Amino acid sequence: MGYTNVALKDKIREMYPEIVRHDISVSLDFDRAKKTYLVKFTKDNHELTTHIEKKDADECMDGIKCVYLGIQIGQFINNFEERK
């Protein structure tokens, strides 16, 4: 399946609207050696770096939510919300 990093980033934002709602920045890069996408979420001085396996990214592009990524996003939001 062929898609760009921008398309995957847009799809992640679409599938997880809390990213936009909490004004979280998303960046990602593909690690060819590990065949994973490295995803960085940033909000103010908070940062979370995680990864998405290529298979999960492909499924995300097909509209299937990645449970692992959803948990990571939720935990990230909880961490900075608790500190307010």
PDB file of N, CA and C in Angstrom:
ATOM      1  N   MET A   1       0.853  -1.180   0.000  1.00  0.00           N
ATOM      2  CA  MET A   1       0.000   0.000   0.000  1.00  0.00           C
ATOM      3  C   MET A   1       0.894   1.237   0.000  1.00  0.00           C
ATOM      4  N   GLY A   2       0.643   2.145  -0.922  1.00  0.00           N
ATOM      5  CA  GLY A   2       1.446   3.354  -1.016  1.00  0.00           C
ATOM      6  C   GLY A   2       0.692   4.572  -0.494  1.00  0.00           C
ATOM      7  N   TYR A   3       1.346   5.317   0.375  1.00  0.00           N
ATOM      8  CA  TYR A   3       0.797   6.565   0.893  1.00  0.00           C
ATOM      9  C   TYR A   3       1.955   7.393   1.435  1.00  0.00           C
ATOM     10  N   THR A   4       1.714   8.674   1.594  1.00  0.00           N
ATOM     11  CA  THR A   4       2.769   9.564   2.076  1.00  0.00           C
ATOM     12  C   THR A   4       2.691   9.696   3.601  1.00  0.00           C
ATOM     13  N   ASN A   5       3.768  10.219   4.166  1.00  0.00           N
ATOM     14  CA  ASN A   5       3.771  10.503   5.605  1.00  0.00           C
ATOM     15  C   ASN A   5       2.683  11.513   5.954  1.00  0.00           C
ATOM     16  N   VAL A   6       2.490  12.490   5.079  1.00  0.00           N
ATOM     17  CA  VAL A   6       1.458  13.510   5.308  1.00  0.00           C
ATOM     18  C   VAL A   6       0.074  12.861   5.328  1.00  0.00           C
ATOM     19  N   ALA A   7      -0.180  11.950   4.413  1.00  0.00           N
ATOM     20  CA  ALA A   7      -1.480  11.272   4.364  1.00  0.00           C
ATOM     21  C   ALA A   7      -1.708  10.455   5.633  1.00  0.00           C
ATOM     22  N   LEU A   8      -0.672   9.770   6.104  1.00  0.00           N
ATOM     23  CA  LEU A   8      -0.805   8.976   7.328  1.00  0.00           C
ATOM     24  C   LEU A   8      -1.038   9.892   8.529  1.00  0.00           C
ATOM     25  N   LYS A   9      -0.308  10.975   8.603  1.00  0.00           N
ATOM     26  CA  LYS A   9      -0.486  11.930   9.703  1.00  0.00           C
ATOM     27  C   LYS A   9      -1.909  12.492   9.688  1.00  0.00           C
ATOM     28  N   ASP A  10      -2.413  12.845   8.523  1.00  0.00           N
ATOM     29  CA  ASP A  10      -3.785  13.356   8.404  1.00  0.00           C
ATOM     30  C   ASP A  10      -4.798  12.300   8.829  1.00  0.00           C
ATOM     31  N   LYS A  11      -4.557  11.052   8.453  1.00  0.00           N
ATOM     32  CA  LYS A  11      -5.467   9.963   8.807  1.00  0.00           C
ATOM     33  C   LYS A  11      -5.478   9.739  10.319  1.00  0.00           C
ATOM     34  N   ILE A  12      -4.310   9.811  10.948  1.00  0.00           N
ATOM     35  CA  ILE A  12      -4.233   9.660  12.410  1.00  0.00           C
ATOM     36  C   ILE A  12      -5.037  10.767  13.083  1.00  0.00           C
ATOM     37  N   ARG A  13      -4.885  12.001  12.606  1.00  0.00           N
ATOM     38  CA  ARG A  13      -5.658  13.118  13.169  1.00  0.00           C
ATOM     39  C   ARG A  13      -7.156  12.906  12.983  1.00  0.00           C
ATOM     40  N   GLU A  14      -7.530  12.392  11.825  1.00  0.00           N
ATOM     41  CA  GLU A  14      -8.946  12.141  11.530  1.00  0.00           C
ATOM     42  C   GLU A  14      -9.507  11.062  12.456  1.00  0.00           C
ATOM     43  N   MET A  15      -8.754   9.991  12.661  1.00  0.00           N
ATOM     44  CA  MET A  15      -9.242   8.858  13.450  1.00  0.00           C
ATOM     45  C   MET A  15      -9.214   9.122  14.949  1.00  0.00           C
ATOM     46  N   TYR A  16      -8.356  10.026  15.369  1.00  0.00           N
ATOM     47  CA  TYR A  16      -8.226  10.354  16.785  1.00  0.00           C
ATOM     48  C   TYR A  16      -8.447  11.861  16.956  1.00  0.00           C
ATOM     49  N   PRO A  17      -9.712  12.312  16.922  1.00  0.00           N
ATOM     50  CA  PRO A  17     -10.017  13.743  16.945  1.00  0.00           C
ATOM     51  C   PRO A  17      -9.542  14.451  18.220  1.00  0.00           C
ATOM     52  N   GLU A  18      -9.253  13.693  19.267  1.00  0.00           N
ATOM     53  CA  GLU A  18      -8.752  14.319  20.493  1.00  0.00           C
ATOM     54  C   GLU A  18      -7.402  14.998  20.259  1.00  0.00           C
ATOM     55  N   ILE A  19      -6.669  14.563  19.233  1.00  0.00           N
ATOM     56  CA  ILE A  19      -5.399  15.212  18.883  1.00  0.00           C
ATOM     57  C   ILE A  19      -5.655  16.667  18.495  1.00  0.00           C
ATOM     58  N   VAL A  20      -6.631  16.882  17.638  1.00  0.00           N
ATOM     59  CA  VAL A  20      -6.969  18.233  17.189  1.00  0.00           C
ATOM     60  C   VAL A  20      -7.626  19.012  18.334  1.00  0.00           C
ATOM     61  N   ARG A  21      -8.528  18.347  19.044  1.00  0.00           N
ATOM     62  CA  ARG A  21      -9.257  18.999  20.138  1.00  0.00           C
ATOM     63  C   ARG A  21      -8.307  19.533  21.214  1.00  0.00           C
ATOM     64  N   HIS A  22      -7.212  18.829  21.469  1.00  0.00           N
ATOM     65  CA  HIS A  22      -6.240  19.244  22.488  1.00  0.00           C
ATOM     66  C   HIS A  22      -5.044  19.978  21.883  1.00  0.00           C
ATOM     67  N   ASP A  23      -5.135  20.321  20.609  1.00  0.00           N
ATOM     68  CA  ASP A  23      -4.092  21.088  19.921  1.00  0.00           C
ATOM     69  C   ASP A  23      -2.711  20.434  20.070  1.00  0.00           C
ATOM     70  N   ILE A  24      -2.667  19.141  19.782  1.00  0.00           N
ATOM     71  CA  ILE A  24      -1.424  18.369  19.863  1.00  0.00           C
ATOM     72  C   ILE A  24      -0.796  18.319  18.479  1.00  0.00           C
ATOM     73  N   SER A  25       0.493  18.617  18.405  1.00  0.00           N
ATOM     74  CA  SER A  25       1.227  18.531  17.143  1.00  0.00           C
ATOM     75  C   SER A  25       1.660  17.085  16.911  1.00  0.00           C
ATOM     76  N   VAL A  26       1.624  16.679  15.652  1.00  0.00           N
ATOM     77  CA  VAL A  26       2.024  15.319  15.282  1.00  0.00           C
ATOM     78  C   VAL A  26       3.085  15.397  14.195  1.00  0.00           C
ATOM     79  N   SER A  27       4.157  14.660  14.383  1.00  0.00           N
ATOM     80  CA  SER A  27       5.142  14.508  13.314  1.00  0.00           C
ATOM     81  C   SER A  27       5.482  13.028  13.216  1.00  0.00           C
ATOM     82  N   LEU A  28       5.866  12.612  12.030  1.00  0.00           N
ATOM     83  CA  LEU A  28       6.244  11.203  11.882  1.00  0.00           C
ATOM     84  C   LEU A  28       7.257  11.029  10.774  1.00  0.00           C
ATOM     85  N   ASP A  29       8.051   9.985  10.931  1.00  0.00           N
ATOM     86  CA  ASP A  29       9.057   9.603   9.949  1.00  0.00           C
ATOM     87  C   ASP A  29       9.074   8.090   9.850  1.00  0.00           C
ATOM     88  N   PHE A  30       9.380   7.597   8.663  1.00  0.00           N
ATOM     89  CA  PHE A  30       9.473   6.152   8.469  1.00  0.00           C
ATOM     90  C   PHE A  30      10.908   5.706   8.686  1.00  0.00           C
ATOM     91  N   ASP A  31      11.088   4.710   9.543  1.00  0.00           N
ATOM     92  CA  ASP A  31      12.398   4.108   9.794  1.00  0.00           C
ATOM     93  C   ASP A  31      12.501   2.878   8.892  1.00  0.00           C
ATOM     94  N   ARG A  32      13.238   3.010   7.802  1.00  0.00           N
ATOM     95  CA  ARG A  32      13.330   1.928   6.812  1.00  0.00           C
ATOM     96  C   ARG A  32      13.956   0.661   7.397  1.00  0.00           C
ATOM     97  N   ALA A  33      14.950   0.830   8.262  1.00  0.00           N
ATOM     98  CA  ALA A  33      15.636  -0.328   8.836  1.00  0.00           C
ATOM     99  C   ALA A  33      14.692  -1.158   9.703  1.00  0.00           C
ATOM    100  N   LYS A  34      13.859  -0.486  10.490  1.00  0.00           N
ATOM    101  CA  LYS A  34      12.940  -1.181  11.398  1.00  0.00           C
ATOM    102  C   LYS A  34      11.552  -1.385  10.803  1.00  0.00           C
ATOM    103  N   LYS A  35      11.297  -0.746   9.656  1.00  0.00           N
ATOM    104  CA  LYS A  35       9.995  -0.819   8.983  1.00  0.00           C
ATOM    105  C   LYS A  35       8.861  -0.397   9.906  1.00  0.00           C
ATOM    106  N   THR A  36       9.098   0.721  10.602  1.00  0.00           N
ATOM    107  CA  THR A  36       8.089   1.305  11.480  1.00  0.00           C
ATOM    108  C   THR A  36       8.048   2.809  11.258  1.00  0.00           C
ATOM    109  N   TYR A  37       6.927   3.389  11.625  1.00  0.00           N
ATOM    110  CA  TYR A  37       6.796   4.838  11.624  1.00  0.00           C
ATOM    111  C   TYR A  37       7.054   5.326  13.042  1.00  0.00           C
ATOM    112  N   LEU A  38       7.967   6.266  13.190  1.00  0.00           N
ATOM    113  CA  LEU A  38       8.212   6.907  14.472  1.00  0.00           C
ATOM    114  C   LEU A  38       7.296   8.121  14.539  1.00  0.00           C
ATOM    115  N   VAL A  39       6.465   8.163  15.570  1.00  0.00           N
ATOM    116  CA  VAL A  39       5.458   9.206  15.703  1.00  0.00           C
ATOM    117  C   VAL A  39       5.765  10.027  16.951  1.00  0.00           C
ATOM    118  N   LYS A  40       5.765  11.345  16.785  1.00  0.00           N
ATOM    119  CA  LYS A  40       6.014  12.229  17.925  1.00  0.00           C
ATOM    120  C   LYS A  40       4.806  13.139  18.115  1.00  0.00           C
ATOM    121  N   PHE A  41       4.279  13.130  19.343  1.00  0.00           N
ATOM    122  CA  PHE A  41       3.188  14.015  19.734  1.00  0.00           C
ATOM    123  C   PHE A  41       3.780  15.080  20.649  1.00  0.00           C
ATOM    124  N   THR A  42       3.416  16.344  20.399  1.00  0.00           N
ATOM    125  CA  THR A  42       3.950  17.441  21.192  1.00  0.00           C
ATOM    126  C   THR A  42       2.819  18.383  21.593  1.00  0.00           C
ATOM    127  N   LYS A  43       2.846  18.767  22.860  1.00  0.00           N
ATOM    128  CA  LYS A  43       1.882  19.750  23.393  1.00  0.00           C
ATOM    129  C   LYS A  43       2.630  20.569  24.427  1.00  0.00           C
ATOM    130  N   ASP A  44       2.801  21.866  24.166  1.00  0.00           N
ATOM    131  CA  ASP A  44       3.569  22.749  25.039  1.00  0.00           C
ATOM    132  C   ASP A  44       4.954  22.139  25.263  1.00  0.00           C
ATOM    133  N   ASN A  45       5.323  21.876  26.504  1.00  0.00           N
ATOM    134  CA  ASN A  45       6.638  21.281  26.762  1.00  0.00           C
ATOM    135  C   ASN A  45       6.555  19.775  26.983  1.00  0.00           C
ATOM    136  N   HIS A  46       5.427  19.161  26.640  1.00  0.00           N
ATOM    137  CA  HIS A  46       5.239  17.719  26.780  1.00  0.00           C
ATOM    138  C   HIS A  46       5.467  17.042  25.431  1.00  0.00           C
ATOM    139  N   GLU A  47       6.090  15.890  25.468  1.00  0.00           N
ATOM    140  CA  GLU A  47       6.397  15.170  24.229  1.00  0.00           C
ATOM    141  C   GLU A  47       6.300  13.665  24.454  1.00  0.00           C
ATOM    142  N   LEU A  48       5.746  12.986  23.477  1.00  0.00           N
ATOM    143  CA  LEU A  48       5.682  11.525  23.496  1.00  0.00           C
ATOM    144  C   LEU A  48       6.145  11.028  22.136  1.00  0.00           C
ATOM    145  N   THR A  49       7.107  10.129  22.143  1.00  0.00           N
ATOM    146  CA  THR A  49       7.545   9.485  20.911  1.00  0.00           C
ATOM    147  C   THR A  49       7.173   8.018  21.012  1.00  0.00           C
ATOM    148  N   THR A  50       6.510   7.522  19.996  1.00  0.00           N
ATOM    149  CA  THR A  50       6.103   6.119  19.947  1.00  0.00           C
ATOM    150  C   THR A  50       6.298   5.630  18.521  1.00  0.00           C
ATOM    151  N   HIS A  51       5.846   4.441  18.236  1.00  0.00           N
ATOM    152  CA  HIS A  51       5.994   3.919  16.875  1.00  0.00           C
ATOM    153  C   HIS A  51       4.724   3.197  16.437  1.00  0.00           C
ATOM    154  N   ILE A  52       4.582   3.086  15.137  1.00  0.00           N
ATOM    155  CA  ILE A  52       3.500   2.316  14.531  1.00  0.00           C
ATOM    156  C   ILE A  52       4.150   1.348  13.554  1.00  0.00           C
ATOM    157  N   GLU A  53       3.868   0.091  13.719  1.00  0.00           N
ATOM    158  CA  GLU A  53       4.362  -0.905  12.774  1.00  0.00           C
ATOM    159  C   GLU A  53       3.747  -0.630  11.401  1.00  0.00           C
ATOM    160  N   LYS A  54       4.454  -0.955  10.360  1.00  0.00           N
ATOM    161  CA  LYS A  54       3.983  -0.732   8.986  1.00  0.00           C
ATOM    162  C   LYS A  54       2.606  -1.361   8.775  1.00  0.00           C
ATOM    163  N   LYS A  55       2.412  -2.568   9.285  1.00  0.00           N
ATOM    164  CA  LYS A  55       1.125  -3.256   9.153  1.00  0.00           C
ATOM    165  C   LYS A  55       0.006  -2.438   9.801  1.00  0.00           C
ATOM    166  N   ASP A  56       0.262  -1.905  11.001  1.00  0.00           N
ATOM    167  CA  ASP A  56      -0.743  -1.085  11.687  1.00  0.00           C
ATOM    168  C   ASP A  56      -1.004   0.217  10.934  1.00  0.00           C
ATOM    169  N   ALA A  57       0.050   0.815  10.369  1.00  0.00           N
ATOM    170  CA  ALA A  57      -0.121   2.032   9.577  1.00  0.00           C
ATOM    171  C   ALA A  57      -0.984   1.747   8.342  1.00  0.00           C
ATOM    172  N   ASP A  58      -0.738   0.609   7.695  1.00  0.00           N
ATOM    173  CA  ASP A  58      -1.546   0.222   6.535  1.00  0.00           C
ATOM    174  C   ASP A  58      -3.013   0.080   6.934  1.00  0.00           C
ATOM    175  N   GLU A  59      -3.260  -0.562   8.077  1.00  0.00           N
ATOM    176  CA  GLU A  59      -4.632  -0.733   8.551  1.00  0.00           C
ATOM    177  C   GLU A  59      -5.263   0.614   8.908  1.00  0.00           C
ATOM    178  N   CYS A  60      -4.470   1.492   9.493  1.00  0.00           N
ATOM    179  CA  CYS A  60      -4.954   2.837   9.818  1.00  0.00           C
ATOM    180  C   CYS A  60      -5.430   3.540   8.543  1.00  0.00           C
ATOM    181  N   MET A  61      -4.647   3.433   7.481  1.00  0.00           N
ATOM    182  CA  MET A  61      -5.028   4.050   6.212  1.00  0.00           C
ATOM    183  C   MET A  61      -6.303   3.426   5.642  1.00  0.00           C
ATOM    184  N   ASP A  62      -6.599   2.183   6.041  1.00  0.00           N
ATOM    185  CA  ASP A  62      -7.833   1.514   5.624  1.00  0.00           C
ATOM    186  C   ASP A  62      -8.995   1.797   6.575  1.00  0.00           C
ATOM    187  N   GLY A  63      -8.756   2.661   7.590  1.00  0.00           N
ATOM    188  CA  GLY A  63      -9.823   3.038   8.507  1.00  0.00           C
ATOM    189  C   GLY A  63      -9.933   2.182   9.750  1.00  0.00           C
ATOM    190  N   ILE A  64      -8.951   1.334  10.004  1.00  0.00           N
ATOM    191  CA  ILE A  64      -8.959   0.474  11.193  1.00  0.00           C
ATOM    192  C   ILE A  64      -8.103   1.129  12.263  1.00  0.00           C
ATOM    193  N   LYS A  65      -8.717   1.423  13.417  1.00  0.00           N
ATOM    194  CA  LYS A  65      -7.982   2.079  14.497  1.00  0.00           C
ATOM    195  C   LYS A  65      -6.945   1.139  15.099  1.00  0.00           C
ATOM    196  N   CYS A  66      -5.813   1.718  15.428  1.00  0.00           N
ATOM    197  CA  CYS A  66      -4.740   0.993  16.093  1.00  0.00           C
ATOM    198  C   CYS A  66      -4.933   1.176  17.602  1.00  0.00           C
ATOM    199  N   VAL A  67      -5.276   0.107  18.298  1.00  0.00           N
ATOM    200  CA  VAL A  67      -5.552   0.184  19.731  1.00  0.00           C
ATOM    201  C   VAL A  67      -4.336   0.711  20.486  1.00  0.00           C
ATOM    202  N   TYR A  68      -3.157   0.204  20.149  1.00  0.00           N
ATOM    203  CA  TYR A  68      -1.922   0.627  20.813  1.00  0.00           C
ATOM    204  C   TYR A  68      -1.739   2.144  20.703  1.00  0.00           C
ATOM    205  N   LEU A  69      -1.925   2.687  19.524  1.00  0.00           N
ATOM    206  CA  LEU A  69      -1.756   4.121  19.313  1.00  0.00           C
ATOM    207  C   LEU A  69      -2.808   4.910  20.088  1.00  0.00           C
ATOM    208  N   GLY A  70      -4.031   4.437  20.083  1.00  0.00           N
ATOM    209  CA  GLY A  70      -5.103   5.101  20.825  1.00  0.00           C
ATOM    210  C   GLY A  70      -4.808   5.164  22.315  1.00  0.00           C
ATOM    211  N   ILE A  71      -4.257   4.097  22.869  1.00  0.00           N
ATOM    212  CA  ILE A  71      -3.888   4.076  24.287  1.00  0.00           C
ATOM    213  C   ILE A  71      -2.771   5.077  24.550  1.00  0.00           C
ATOM    214  N   GLN A  72      -1.769   5.120  23.662  1.00  0.00           N
ATOM    215  CA  GLN A  72      -0.665   6.057  23.814  1.00  0.00           C
ATOM    216  C   GLN A  72      -1.164   7.504  23.789  1.00  0.00           C
ATOM    217  N   ILE A  73      -2.050   7.807  22.871  1.00  0.00           N
ATOM    218  CA  ILE A  73      -2.598   9.163  22.770  1.00  0.00           C
ATOM    219  C   ILE A  73      -3.381   9.509  24.036  1.00  0.00           C
ATOM    220  N   GLY A  74      -4.219   8.588  24.491  1.00  0.00           N
ATOM    221  CA  GLY A  74      -5.009   8.812  25.701  1.00  0.00           C
ATOM    222  C   GLY A  74      -4.136   9.062  26.913  1.00  0.00           C
ATOM    223  N   GLN A  75      -3.084   8.274  27.067  1.00  0.00           N
ATOM    224  CA  GLN A  75      -2.179   8.442  28.199  1.00  0.00           C
ATOM    225  C   GLN A  75      -1.453   9.780  28.115  1.00  0.00           C
ATOM    226  N   PHE A  76      -1.042  10.145  26.915  1.00  0.00           N
ATOM    227  CA  PHE A  76      -0.368  11.432  26.721  1.00  0.00           C
ATOM    228  C   PHE A  76      -1.277  12.583  27.143  1.00  0.00           C
ATOM    229  N   ILE A  77      -2.515  12.553  26.714  1.00  0.00           N
ATOM    230  CA  ILE A  77      -3.474  13.598  27.072  1.00  0.00           C
ATOM    231  C   ILE A  77      -3.689  13.622  28.579  1.00  0.00           C
ATOM    232  N   ASN A  78      -3.858  12.451  29.183  1.00  0.00           N
ATOM    233  CA  ASN A  78      -4.048  12.385  30.631  1.00  0.00           C
ATOM    234  C   ASN A  78      -2.861  12.974  31.385  1.00  0.00           C
ATOM    235  N   ASN A  79      -1.660  12.704  30.923  1.00  0.00           N
ATOM    236  CA  ASN A  79      -0.465  13.196  31.606  1.00  0.00           C
ATOM    237  C   ASN A  79      -0.418  14.714  31.662  1.00  0.00           C
ATOM    238  N   PHE A  80      -0.690  15.390  30.547  1.00  0.00           N
ATOM    239  CA  PHE A  80      -0.600  16.847  30.618  1.00  0.00           C
ATOM    240  C   PHE A  80      -1.864  17.473  31.212  1.00  0.00           C
ATOM    241  N   GLU A  81      -3.007  16.808  31.121  1.00  0.00           N
ATOM    242  CA  GLU A  81      -4.227  17.312  31.740  1.00  0.00           C
ATOM    243  C   GLU A  81      -4.105  17.290  33.259  1.00  0.00           C
ATOM    244  N   GLU A  82      -3.477  16.238  33.810  1.00  0.00           N
ATOM    245  CA  GLU A  82      -3.316  16.112  35.250  1.00  0.00           C
ATOM    246  C   GLU A  82      -2.394  17.186  35.813  1.00  0.00           C
ATOM    247  N   ARG A  83      -1.479  17.684  35.012  1.00  0.00           N
ATOM    248  CA  ARG A  83      -0.489  18.646  35.481  1.00  0.00           C
ATOM    249  C   ARG A  83      -1.001  20.084  35.447  1.00  0.00           C
ATOM    250  N   LYS A  84      -2.178  20.295  34.873  1.00  0.00           N
ATOM    251  CA  LYS A  84      -2.723  21.657  34.775  1.00  0.00           C
ATOM    252  C   LYS A  84      -3.180  22.164  36.124  1.00  0.00           C
TER     253      LYS A  84
END
